[in-house]
Amino acid sequence: MNAVAFSSNGNLLAAAYGDGYMRPWNTVNGQAVAALLADTGPGGSVNGVAFSPNGELLATAGEHGSIRVWSLAAGQSLHAPPVSTIVTGSSVNAVMFSPDSRLLATGDKRGRVRVWNLAGREVGSPLPAGGGVNGVAFSPDGQLLATADADGTVRTWQMSVFTDPRAALCARVGLPTKAEWAQYAPGEPEPSVCR
């Protein structure tokens, strides 16, 4: 078994297995709800599972670069097939929903941190971490994303880097002063990107 996660109401426990299947379990009666093939590649493995905070979705991260999102009916049963599949091109080690259940963060074996919307489109650009990314977690307010890297480093990322990279860059770097602009770019029009 590679990973486990509880649903927000505690009625389901999802387990990720090395055989390519994700199995959700009913925590009240201890019975398996289903066995869903989440990684279809040869020798597939499910590396991560996460429930959305709103209790409506479950995501799985696969060895062959697929992230699948499954729908939950009233937080009790699982609908198959998945409602969406995101193909990343690299083995995904970790997956986590944002606190508002609108975004998914992933970490892969190539050391990339990525954020996706539920339509399967990447939000922002992938960011490099050190080595592989083994875990991802959002802060309760959704403003920060933390990663656990294979090299032993824990990193935190401002979510604005993904959702509004221009504003994040401007907040970090800012515009040059008039004197700086005159010194380093004389004769060029002043930029207005951060205004």
N, C-alpha and C. Protein backbone atom coordinates (compact mmCIF):
# COMPACT_ATOMS: atom_id res chain seq x y z
N MET A 1 0.85 -1.17 0.00
CA MET A 1 0.00 0.00 0.00
C MET A 1 0.90 1.24 0.00
N ASN A 2 0.53 2.22 -0.83
CA ASN A 2 1.38 3.40 -1.00
C ASN A 2 0.88 4.64 -0.28
N ALA A 3 -0.43 4.79 -0.11
CA ALA A 3 -0.98 5.99 0.51
C ALA A 3 -2.41 5.73 0.94
N VAL A 4 -2.88 6.50 1.93
CA VAL A 4 -4.26 6.42 2.39
C VAL A 4 -4.78 7.83 2.65
N ALA A 5 -6.10 8.01 2.58
CA ALA A 5 -6.71 9.29 2.89
C ALA A 5 -8.15 9.07 3.34
N PHE A 6 -8.59 9.84 4.33
CA PHE A 6 -9.98 9.83 4.78
C PHE A 6 -10.79 10.87 4.03
N SER A 7 -12.06 10.58 3.79
CA SER A 7 -12.98 11.59 3.26
C SER A 7 -13.26 12.60 4.37
N SER A 8 -13.79 13.78 4.00
CA SER A 8 -14.02 14.83 4.98
C SER A 8 -15.02 14.43 6.06
N ASN A 9 -15.98 13.56 5.73
CA ASN A 9 -16.95 13.12 6.74
C ASN A 9 -16.50 11.86 7.47
N GLY A 10 -15.35 11.31 7.09
CA GLY A 10 -14.81 10.14 7.75
C GLY A 10 -15.45 8.82 7.38
N ASN A 11 -16.40 8.81 6.45
CA ASN A 11 -17.11 7.58 6.08
C ASN A 11 -16.35 6.71 5.10
N LEU A 12 -15.38 7.30 4.39
CA LEU A 12 -14.60 6.52 3.43
C LEU A 12 -13.12 6.66 3.73
N LEU A 13 -12.40 5.60 3.49
CA LEU A 13 -10.95 5.59 3.56
C LEU A 13 -10.47 5.05 2.22
N ALA A 14 -9.70 5.86 1.49
CA ALA A 14 -9.18 5.43 0.20
C ALA A 14 -7.75 4.95 0.38
N ALA A 15 -7.44 3.81 -0.25
CA ALA A 15 -6.10 3.25 -0.17
C ALA A 15 -5.54 3.11 -1.58
N ALA A 16 -4.27 3.51 -1.73
CA ALA A 16 -3.57 3.43 -3.02
C ALA A 16 -2.66 2.21 -2.98
N TYR A 17 -2.77 1.37 -4.00
CA TYR A 17 -2.04 0.11 -4.03
C TYR A 17 -1.02 0.08 -5.18
N GLY A 18 -0.03 -0.75 -5.01
CA GLY A 18 1.01 -0.93 -6.01
C GLY A 18 0.60 -1.76 -7.19
N ASP A 19 -0.64 -2.25 -7.22
CA ASP A 19 -1.12 -3.05 -8.35
C ASP A 19 -1.91 -2.22 -9.36
N GLY A 20 -1.90 -0.89 -9.19
CA GLY A 20 -2.61 -0.01 -10.11
C GLY A 20 -4.03 0.30 -9.68
N TYR A 21 -4.48 -0.27 -8.56
CA TYR A 21 -5.85 -0.05 -8.10
C TYR A 21 -5.89 0.89 -6.90
N MET A 22 -7.01 1.61 -6.81
CA MET A 22 -7.36 2.39 -5.65
C MET A 22 -8.62 1.73 -5.09
N ARG A 23 -8.60 1.47 -3.80
CA ARG A 23 -9.75 0.83 -3.17
C ARG A 23 -10.28 1.71 -2.05
N PRO A 24 -11.50 2.21 -2.19
CA PRO A 24 -12.13 2.94 -1.09
C PRO A 24 -12.84 1.95 -0.15
N TRP A 25 -12.75 2.21 1.13
CA TRP A 25 -13.35 1.35 2.15
C TRP A 25 -14.37 2.14 2.95
N ASN A 26 -15.49 1.51 3.27
CA ASN A 26 -16.49 2.08 4.14
C ASN A 26 -15.97 1.93 5.58
N THR A 27 -15.79 3.05 6.28
CA THR A 27 -15.22 2.97 7.62
C THR A 27 -16.24 2.53 8.68
N VAL A 28 -17.52 2.57 8.32
CA VAL A 28 -18.56 2.15 9.28
C VAL A 28 -18.63 0.64 9.36
N ASN A 29 -18.65 -0.03 8.18
CA ASN A 29 -18.79 -1.49 8.19
C ASN A 29 -17.51 -2.23 7.78
N GLY A 30 -16.45 -1.49 7.41
CA GLY A 30 -15.18 -2.11 7.06
C GLY A 30 -15.16 -2.81 5.71
N GLN A 31 -16.17 -2.58 4.89
CA GLN A 31 -16.26 -3.25 3.59
C GLN A 31 -15.65 -2.38 2.48
N ALA A 32 -15.02 -3.04 1.52
CA ALA A 32 -14.51 -2.33 0.35
C ALA A 32 -15.70 -1.87 -0.49
N VAL A 33 -15.67 -0.62 -0.92
CA VAL A 33 -16.74 -0.06 -1.74
C VAL A 33 -16.54 -0.44 -3.20
N ALA A 34 -15.29 -0.47 -3.64
CA ALA A 34 -14.98 -0.77 -5.04
C ALA A 34 -13.48 -1.04 -5.15
N ALA A 35 -13.09 -1.54 -6.30
CA ALA A 35 -11.68 -1.64 -6.68
C ALA A 35 -11.58 -0.99 -8.05
N LEU A 36 -11.00 0.20 -8.09
CA LEU A 36 -10.98 0.99 -9.31
C LEU A 36 -9.57 1.06 -9.87
N LEU A 37 -9.45 0.71 -11.14
CA LEU A 37 -8.15 0.76 -11.81
C LEU A 37 -7.80 2.23 -12.05
N ALA A 38 -6.81 2.70 -11.34
CA ALA A 38 -6.44 4.11 -11.40
C ALA A 38 -5.16 4.36 -12.18
N ASP A 39 -4.32 3.34 -12.35
CA ASP A 39 -3.12 3.48 -13.17
C ASP A 39 -3.08 2.28 -14.11
N THR A 40 -3.27 2.55 -15.38
CA THR A 40 -3.48 1.47 -16.36
C THR A 40 -2.22 1.02 -17.07
N GLY A 41 -1.09 1.64 -16.81
CA GLY A 41 0.14 1.25 -17.49
C GLY A 41 0.66 -0.09 -17.00
N PRO A 42 1.60 -0.68 -17.75
CA PRO A 42 2.18 -1.95 -17.31
C PRO A 42 2.90 -1.79 -15.98
N GLY A 43 2.61 -2.68 -15.05
CA GLY A 43 3.22 -2.58 -13.72
C GLY A 43 2.78 -1.33 -12.99
N GLY A 44 1.55 -0.89 -13.28
CA GLY A 44 1.05 0.36 -12.72
C GLY A 44 0.98 0.36 -11.21
N SER A 45 1.06 1.55 -10.66
CA SER A 45 1.00 1.73 -9.22
C SER A 45 0.28 3.03 -8.93
N VAL A 46 -0.57 3.03 -7.91
CA VAL A 46 -1.19 4.28 -7.46
C VAL A 46 -0.33 4.80 -6.32
N ASN A 47 0.23 5.98 -6.50
CA ASN A 47 1.18 6.53 -5.53
C ASN A 47 0.55 7.45 -4.51
N GLY A 48 -0.60 8.04 -4.84
CA GLY A 48 -1.22 8.99 -3.93
C GLY A 48 -2.73 9.05 -4.10
N VAL A 49 -3.43 9.40 -3.02
CA VAL A 49 -4.88 9.61 -3.04
C VAL A 49 -5.20 10.82 -2.20
N ALA A 50 -6.26 11.54 -2.58
CA ALA A 50 -6.71 12.70 -1.80
C ALA A 50 -8.19 12.93 -2.03
N PHE A 51 -8.92 13.18 -0.96
CA PHE A 51 -10.32 13.59 -1.05
C PHE A 51 -10.38 15.10 -1.09
N SER A 52 -11.36 15.63 -1.80
CA SER A 52 -11.57 17.07 -1.79
C SER A 52 -12.20 17.46 -0.45
N PRO A 53 -11.87 18.65 0.07
CA PRO A 53 -12.46 19.09 1.33
C PRO A 53 -13.99 19.18 1.30
N ASN A 54 -14.57 19.45 0.11
CA ASN A 54 -16.03 19.54 0.04
C ASN A 54 -16.70 18.18 0.00
N GLY A 55 -15.92 17.09 0.00
CA GLY A 55 -16.48 15.75 0.06
C GLY A 55 -17.07 15.23 -1.23
N GLU A 56 -16.83 15.93 -2.35
CA GLU A 56 -17.45 15.54 -3.61
C GLU A 56 -16.52 14.76 -4.54
N LEU A 57 -15.22 14.85 -4.34
CA LEU A 57 -14.27 14.27 -5.29
C LEU A 57 -13.16 13.50 -4.59
N LEU A 58 -12.56 12.60 -5.35
CA LEU A 58 -11.39 11.84 -4.90
C LEU A 58 -10.40 11.83 -6.06
N ALA A 59 -9.14 12.13 -5.77
CA ALA A 59 -8.11 12.13 -6.81
C ALA A 59 -7.09 11.04 -6.53
N THR A 60 -6.58 10.45 -7.61
CA THR A 60 -5.52 9.45 -7.52
C THR A 60 -4.35 9.89 -8.38
N ALA A 61 -3.13 9.56 -7.93
CA ALA A 61 -1.91 9.88 -8.66
C ALA A 61 -1.23 8.59 -9.05
N GLY A 62 -0.90 8.45 -10.34
CA GLY A 62 -0.37 7.19 -10.84
C GLY A 62 1.07 7.21 -11.29
N GLU A 63 1.66 6.02 -11.26
CA GLU A 63 3.04 5.79 -11.66
C GLU A 63 3.29 6.20 -13.11
N HIS A 64 2.29 6.05 -13.97
CA HIS A 64 2.47 6.34 -15.40
C HIS A 64 2.03 7.75 -15.77
N GLY A 65 1.99 8.64 -14.79
CA GLY A 65 1.75 10.05 -15.08
C GLY A 65 0.31 10.45 -15.19
N SER A 66 -0.61 9.64 -14.70
CA SER A 66 -2.02 10.03 -14.79
C SER A 66 -2.56 10.40 -13.42
N ILE A 67 -3.37 11.45 -13.43
CA ILE A 67 -4.12 11.87 -12.25
C ILE A 67 -5.58 11.69 -12.63
N ARG A 68 -6.29 10.92 -11.84
CA ARG A 68 -7.70 10.71 -12.13
C ARG A 68 -8.52 11.34 -11.00
N VAL A 69 -9.64 11.95 -11.40
CA VAL A 69 -10.56 12.55 -10.44
C VAL A 69 -11.87 11.79 -10.52
N TRP A 70 -12.32 11.28 -9.37
CA TRP A 70 -13.52 10.46 -9.27
C TRP A 70 -14.58 11.24 -8.51
N SER A 71 -15.83 11.03 -8.87
CA SER A 71 -16.94 11.73 -8.23
C SER A 71 -17.55 10.88 -7.13
N LEU A 72 -17.85 11.52 -6.01
CA LEU A 72 -18.51 10.86 -4.89
C LEU A 72 -19.95 11.34 -4.81
N ALA A 73 -20.90 10.43 -4.65
CA ALA A 73 -22.30 10.80 -4.51
C ALA A 73 -22.61 10.96 -3.03
N ALA A 74 -22.91 12.18 -2.61
CA ALA A 74 -23.25 12.49 -1.23
C ALA A 74 -22.19 11.97 -0.26
N GLY A 75 -20.93 11.90 -0.73
CA GLY A 75 -19.85 11.47 0.13
C GLY A 75 -19.91 10.01 0.53
N GLN A 76 -20.74 9.22 -0.10
CA GLN A 76 -20.92 7.84 0.32
C GLN A 76 -20.41 6.82 -0.69
N SER A 77 -20.75 7.00 -1.96
CA SER A 77 -20.36 6.00 -2.96
C SER A 77 -19.54 6.65 -4.06
N LEU A 78 -18.85 5.82 -4.79
CA LEU A 78 -17.93 6.29 -5.81
C LEU A 78 -18.48 6.00 -7.19
N HIS A 79 -18.39 6.98 -8.08
CA HIS A 79 -18.85 6.79 -9.44
C HIS A 79 -17.67 6.47 -10.34
N ALA A 80 -17.78 5.45 -11.14
CA ALA A 80 -16.75 5.11 -12.12
C ALA A 80 -17.41 5.19 -13.48
N PRO A 81 -16.77 5.58 -14.52
CA PRO A 81 -15.36 5.92 -14.63
C PRO A 81 -15.05 7.29 -14.04
N PRO A 82 -13.77 7.67 -14.01
CA PRO A 82 -13.41 8.97 -13.46
C PRO A 82 -14.05 10.09 -14.26
N VAL A 83 -14.31 11.21 -13.58
CA VAL A 83 -14.90 12.36 -14.26
C VAL A 83 -13.87 13.12 -15.07
N SER A 84 -12.60 12.97 -14.75
CA SER A 84 -11.54 13.56 -15.57
C SER A 84 -10.23 12.83 -15.35
N THR A 85 -9.39 12.90 -16.36
CA THR A 85 -8.05 12.32 -16.28
C THR A 85 -7.06 13.34 -16.80
N ILE A 86 -6.03 13.60 -16.03
CA ILE A 86 -4.97 14.52 -16.41
C ILE A 86 -3.72 13.68 -16.67
N VAL A 87 -3.10 13.87 -17.82
CA VAL A 87 -1.88 13.12 -18.14
C VAL A 87 -0.71 14.09 -18.05
N THR A 88 0.24 13.77 -17.17
CA THR A 88 1.33 14.70 -16.87
C THR A 88 2.63 14.40 -17.58
N GLY A 89 2.83 13.16 -18.03
CA GLY A 89 4.07 12.80 -18.70
C GLY A 89 5.17 12.34 -17.75
N SER A 90 4.90 12.29 -16.47
CA SER A 90 5.89 11.83 -15.50
C SER A 90 5.17 11.19 -14.33
N SER A 91 5.80 10.21 -13.72
CA SER A 91 5.21 9.52 -12.57
C SER A 91 4.84 10.52 -11.48
N VAL A 92 3.59 10.48 -11.05
CA VAL A 92 3.11 11.41 -10.04
C VAL A 92 3.16 10.73 -8.68
N ASN A 93 3.86 11.34 -7.75
CA ASN A 93 4.02 10.77 -6.41
C ASN A 93 2.96 11.24 -5.43
N ALA A 94 2.47 12.47 -5.62
CA ALA A 94 1.59 13.07 -4.62
C ALA A 94 0.53 13.93 -5.28
N VAL A 95 -0.63 13.98 -4.63
CA VAL A 95 -1.74 14.80 -5.11
C VAL A 95 -2.51 15.33 -3.90
N MET A 96 -3.00 16.57 -4.01
CA MET A 96 -3.76 17.18 -2.92
C MET A 96 -4.69 18.24 -3.48
N PHE A 97 -5.92 18.29 -2.94
CA PHE A 97 -6.87 19.34 -3.31
C PHE A 97 -6.60 20.60 -2.51
N SER A 98 -6.90 21.75 -3.12
CA SER A 98 -6.85 23.02 -2.40
C SER A 98 -8.01 23.06 -1.41
N PRO A 99 -7.95 23.91 -0.40
CA PRO A 99 -9.02 23.98 0.60
C PRO A 99 -10.39 24.30 0.01
N ASP A 100 -10.44 25.02 -1.12
CA ASP A 100 -11.74 25.33 -1.73
C ASP A 100 -12.17 24.25 -2.74
N SER A 101 -11.41 23.17 -2.85
CA SER A 101 -11.72 22.02 -3.71
C SER A 101 -11.71 22.35 -5.20
N ARG A 102 -11.12 23.48 -5.59
CA ARG A 102 -11.13 23.90 -6.99
C ARG A 102 -9.85 23.58 -7.75
N LEU A 103 -8.76 23.30 -7.03
CA LEU A 103 -7.47 23.05 -7.66
C LEU A 103 -6.85 21.77 -7.11
N LEU A 104 -5.97 21.17 -7.90
CA LEU A 104 -5.19 20.02 -7.48
C LEU A 104 -3.71 20.38 -7.58
N ALA A 105 -2.95 20.07 -6.55
CA ALA A 105 -1.50 20.21 -6.62
C ALA A 105 -0.90 18.82 -6.75
N THR A 106 0.15 18.72 -7.57
CA THR A 106 0.83 17.43 -7.74
C THR A 106 2.34 17.61 -7.63
N GLY A 107 2.98 16.53 -7.25
CA GLY A 107 4.43 16.48 -7.25
C GLY A 107 4.85 15.22 -7.97
N ASP A 108 5.89 15.30 -8.81
CA ASP A 108 6.27 14.13 -9.58
C ASP A 108 7.71 13.71 -9.34
N LYS A 109 8.08 12.59 -9.93
CA LYS A 109 9.42 12.03 -9.73
C LYS A 109 10.51 12.87 -10.37
N ARG A 110 10.13 13.72 -11.32
CA ARG A 110 11.12 14.60 -11.95
C ARG A 110 11.39 15.84 -11.11
N GLY A 111 10.66 15.98 -10.01
CA GLY A 111 10.87 17.13 -9.14
C GLY A 111 10.07 18.35 -9.54
N ARG A 112 8.96 18.15 -10.24
CA ARG A 112 8.13 19.28 -10.64
C ARG A 112 6.91 19.39 -9.73
N VAL A 113 6.61 20.63 -9.35
CA VAL A 113 5.40 20.96 -8.61
C VAL A 113 4.44 21.60 -9.60
N ARG A 114 3.23 21.05 -9.70
CA ARG A 114 2.27 21.57 -10.67
C ARG A 114 0.91 21.75 -10.01
N VAL A 115 0.13 22.69 -10.56
CA VAL A 115 -1.22 22.94 -10.08
C VAL A 115 -2.16 22.85 -11.27
N TRP A 116 -3.30 22.20 -11.07
CA TRP A 116 -4.27 21.93 -12.13
C TRP A 116 -5.65 22.40 -11.70
N ASN A 117 -6.46 22.84 -12.69
CA ASN A 117 -7.86 23.04 -12.37
C ASN A 117 -8.58 21.73 -12.62
N LEU A 118 -9.84 21.64 -12.25
CA LEU A 118 -10.55 20.36 -12.34
C LEU A 118 -10.94 20.01 -13.77
N ALA A 119 -10.75 20.94 -14.71
CA ALA A 119 -10.97 20.62 -16.12
C ALA A 119 -9.71 19.99 -16.72
N GLY A 120 -8.66 19.86 -15.93
CA GLY A 120 -7.43 19.22 -16.40
C GLY A 120 -6.43 20.17 -17.02
N ARG A 121 -6.64 21.47 -16.88
CA ARG A 121 -5.70 22.44 -17.43
C ARG A 121 -4.72 22.88 -16.35
N GLU A 122 -3.47 23.00 -16.73
CA GLU A 122 -2.46 23.43 -15.79
C GLU A 122 -2.63 24.91 -15.47
N VAL A 123 -2.50 25.25 -14.20
CA VAL A 123 -2.60 26.63 -13.73
C VAL A 123 -1.17 27.11 -13.51
N GLY A 124 -0.76 28.11 -14.26
CA GLY A 124 0.61 28.58 -14.16
C GLY A 124 1.56 27.60 -14.82
N SER A 125 2.82 27.70 -14.45
CA SER A 125 3.86 26.83 -15.01
C SER A 125 4.39 25.92 -13.92
N PRO A 126 4.92 24.74 -14.31
CA PRO A 126 5.52 23.87 -13.29
C PRO A 126 6.73 24.55 -12.65
N LEU A 127 6.91 24.30 -11.38
CA LEU A 127 8.06 24.84 -10.67
C LEU A 127 8.99 23.70 -10.28
N PRO A 128 10.29 23.90 -10.42
CA PRO A 128 11.23 22.83 -10.07
C PRO A 128 11.48 22.76 -8.58
N ALA A 129 11.50 21.55 -8.07
CA ALA A 129 11.90 21.30 -6.68
C ALA A 129 13.15 20.44 -6.73
N GLY A 130 13.67 20.04 -5.61
CA GLY A 130 14.89 19.24 -5.59
C GLY A 130 14.60 17.76 -5.70
N GLY A 131 15.09 17.12 -6.75
CA GLY A 131 14.84 15.69 -6.92
C GLY A 131 13.36 15.44 -7.12
N GLY A 132 12.87 14.30 -6.67
CA GLY A 132 11.45 14.00 -6.78
C GLY A 132 10.67 14.67 -5.68
N VAL A 133 9.40 14.91 -5.94
CA VAL A 133 8.50 15.48 -4.93
C VAL A 133 7.66 14.34 -4.38
N ASN A 134 7.78 14.07 -3.10
CA ASN A 134 7.09 12.94 -2.48
C ASN A 134 5.79 13.32 -1.78
N GLY A 135 5.58 14.59 -1.50
CA GLY A 135 4.36 15.01 -0.82
C GLY A 135 4.04 16.46 -1.12
N VAL A 136 2.74 16.78 -1.12
CA VAL A 136 2.27 18.16 -1.29
C VAL A 136 1.16 18.42 -0.27
N ALA A 137 1.08 19.67 0.22
CA ALA A 137 0.03 20.03 1.17
C ALA A 137 -0.26 21.51 1.07
N PHE A 138 -1.54 21.85 1.13
CA PHE A 138 -1.96 23.26 1.14
C PHE A 138 -2.07 23.75 2.58
N SER A 139 -1.81 25.03 2.77
CA SER A 139 -2.10 25.65 4.06
C SER A 139 -3.61 25.76 4.18
N PRO A 140 -4.16 25.86 5.39
CA PRO A 140 -5.61 25.93 5.56
C PRO A 140 -6.28 27.07 4.80
N ASP A 141 -5.58 28.19 4.62
CA ASP A 141 -6.18 29.30 3.89
C ASP A 141 -5.93 29.21 2.38
N GLY A 142 -5.18 28.21 1.93
CA GLY A 142 -4.94 28.01 0.51
C GLY A 142 -3.92 28.95 -0.10
N GLN A 143 -3.25 29.77 0.72
CA GLN A 143 -2.28 30.73 0.20
C GLN A 143 -0.90 30.13 -0.04
N LEU A 144 -0.59 29.03 0.65
CA LEU A 144 0.71 28.40 0.51
C LEU A 144 0.56 26.94 0.10
N LEU A 145 1.56 26.46 -0.62
CA LEU A 145 1.66 25.05 -0.98
C LEU A 145 3.02 24.58 -0.48
N ALA A 146 3.03 23.50 0.30
CA ALA A 146 4.28 22.94 0.79
C ALA A 146 4.59 21.67 0.03
N THR A 147 5.89 21.42 -0.19
CA THR A 147 6.32 20.19 -0.84
C THR A 147 7.38 19.50 0.00
N ALA A 148 7.31 18.18 0.00
CA ALA A 148 8.34 17.36 0.63
C ALA A 148 9.14 16.73 -0.49
N ASP A 149 10.40 17.12 -0.61
CA ASP A 149 11.24 16.69 -1.72
C ASP A 149 12.08 15.47 -1.33
N ALA A 150 12.41 14.68 -2.34
CA ALA A 150 13.20 13.46 -2.12
C ALA A 150 14.58 13.76 -1.54
N ASP A 151 15.08 14.99 -1.74
CA ASP A 151 16.39 15.33 -1.20
C ASP A 151 16.34 15.74 0.27
N GLY A 152 15.14 15.64 0.88
CA GLY A 152 14.98 15.96 2.29
C GLY A 152 14.59 17.40 2.57
N THR A 153 14.32 18.17 1.53
CA THR A 153 13.96 19.57 1.68
C THR A 153 12.45 19.74 1.72
N VAL A 154 11.98 20.59 2.62
CA VAL A 154 10.59 21.03 2.62
C VAL A 154 10.58 22.44 2.08
N ARG A 155 9.76 22.67 1.07
CA ARG A 155 9.67 24.00 0.45
C ARG A 155 8.25 24.51 0.60
N THR A 156 8.11 25.83 0.66
CA THR A 156 6.79 26.44 0.60
C THR A 156 6.74 27.37 -0.60
N TRP A 157 5.60 27.36 -1.26
CA TRP A 157 5.39 28.16 -2.46
C TRP A 157 4.15 29.02 -2.25
N GLN A 158 4.25 30.28 -2.64
CA GLN A 158 3.07 31.14 -2.64
C GLN A 158 2.16 30.67 -3.78
N MET A 159 0.89 30.44 -3.50
CA MET A 159 -0.03 30.00 -4.55
C MET A 159 -0.18 31.05 -5.65
N SER A 160 0.08 32.31 -5.32
CA SER A 160 -0.02 33.36 -6.34
C SER A 160 0.99 33.15 -7.46
N VAL A 161 2.09 32.40 -7.19
CA VAL A 161 3.05 32.09 -8.25
C VAL A 161 2.37 31.28 -9.35
N PHE A 162 1.41 30.43 -8.97
CA PHE A 162 0.67 29.63 -9.96
C PHE A 162 -0.53 30.39 -10.50
N THR A 163 -1.29 31.02 -9.63
CA THR A 163 -2.57 31.61 -10.04
C THR A 163 -2.44 32.99 -10.65
N ASP A 164 -1.42 33.78 -10.24
CA ASP A 164 -1.21 35.11 -10.81
C ASP A 164 0.29 35.40 -10.80
N PRO A 165 1.04 34.76 -11.72
CA PRO A 165 2.50 34.90 -11.69
C PRO A 165 2.99 36.33 -11.87
N ARG A 166 2.29 37.14 -12.65
CA ARG A 166 2.71 38.53 -12.85
C ARG A 166 2.66 39.29 -11.53
N ALA A 167 1.56 39.14 -10.80
CA ALA A 167 1.44 39.84 -9.52
C ALA A 167 2.46 39.32 -8.51
N ALA A 168 2.70 38.02 -8.53
CA ALA A 168 3.68 37.44 -7.61
C ALA A 168 5.08 37.99 -7.89
N LEU A 169 5.44 38.07 -9.17
CA LEU A 169 6.75 38.60 -9.54
C LEU A 169 6.86 40.07 -9.17
N CYS A 170 5.81 40.82 -9.45
CA CYS A 170 5.83 42.25 -9.12
C CYS A 170 5.93 42.46 -7.62
N ALA A 171 5.25 41.64 -6.83
CA ALA A 171 5.31 41.76 -5.37
C ALA A 171 6.71 41.45 -4.86
N ARG A 172 7.36 40.50 -5.51
CA ARG A 172 8.69 40.09 -5.06
C ARG A 172 9.78 41.06 -5.54
N VAL A 173 9.69 41.47 -6.79
CA VAL A 173 10.76 42.27 -7.39
C VAL A 173 10.40 43.74 -7.48
N GLY A 174 9.17 44.04 -7.89
CA GLY A 174 8.74 45.42 -8.03
C GLY A 174 9.31 46.09 -9.27
N LEU A 175 8.84 47.28 -9.54
CA LEU A 175 9.33 48.08 -10.66
C LEU A 175 10.63 48.77 -10.27
N PRO A 176 11.50 48.98 -11.24
CA PRO A 176 12.69 49.79 -10.93
C PRO A 176 12.26 51.24 -10.68
N THR A 177 13.05 51.93 -9.89
CA THR A 177 12.78 53.35 -9.67
C THR A 177 13.10 54.11 -10.95
N LYS A 178 12.66 55.35 -11.04
CA LYS A 178 12.96 56.17 -12.22
C LYS A 178 14.48 56.30 -12.41
N ALA A 179 15.20 56.47 -11.30
CA ALA A 179 16.67 56.61 -11.37
C ALA A 179 17.31 55.31 -11.88
N GLU A 180 16.83 54.16 -11.38
CA GLU A 180 17.37 52.87 -11.84
C GLU A 180 17.09 52.67 -13.33
N TRP A 181 15.86 53.02 -13.75
CA TRP A 181 15.50 52.84 -15.16
C TRP A 181 16.36 53.74 -16.05
N ALA A 182 16.56 54.99 -15.62
CA ALA A 182 17.39 55.91 -16.40
C ALA A 182 18.83 55.43 -16.47
N GLN A 183 19.33 54.81 -15.39
CA GLN A 183 20.71 54.33 -15.37
C GLN A 183 20.90 53.08 -16.23
N TYR A 184 19.97 52.11 -16.14
CA TYR A 184 20.17 50.82 -16.80
C TYR A 184 19.47 50.68 -18.15
N ALA A 185 18.50 51.53 -18.44
CA ALA A 185 17.79 51.44 -19.72
C ALA A 185 17.49 52.83 -20.26
N PRO A 186 18.51 53.64 -20.42
CA PRO A 186 18.27 55.01 -20.89
C PRO A 186 17.65 55.00 -22.29
N GLY A 187 16.64 55.87 -22.44
CA GLY A 187 15.99 56.00 -23.74
C GLY A 187 14.88 54.99 -24.00
N GLU A 188 14.74 53.98 -23.16
CA GLU A 188 13.68 52.98 -23.31
C GLU A 188 12.45 53.43 -22.54
N PRO A 189 11.26 53.10 -23.06
CA PRO A 189 10.04 53.48 -22.31
C PRO A 189 9.96 52.69 -21.00
N GLU A 190 9.48 53.40 -19.95
CA GLU A 190 9.36 52.73 -18.65
C GLU A 190 8.29 51.65 -18.70
N PRO A 191 8.54 50.52 -18.05
CA PRO A 191 7.55 49.43 -18.04
C PRO A 191 6.37 49.79 -17.14
N SER A 192 5.22 49.23 -17.46
CA SER A 192 4.05 49.47 -16.62
C SER A 192 3.41 48.17 -16.17
N VAL A 193 4.16 47.07 -16.29
CA VAL A 193 3.59 45.74 -16.02
C VAL A 193 3.10 45.58 -14.59
N CYS A 194 3.71 46.26 -13.64
CA CYS A 194 3.34 46.09 -12.23
C CYS A 194 2.39 47.18 -11.74
N ARG A 195 1.95 48.04 -12.63
CA ARG A 195 1.06 49.12 -12.19
C ARG A 195 -0.37 48.72 -12.30
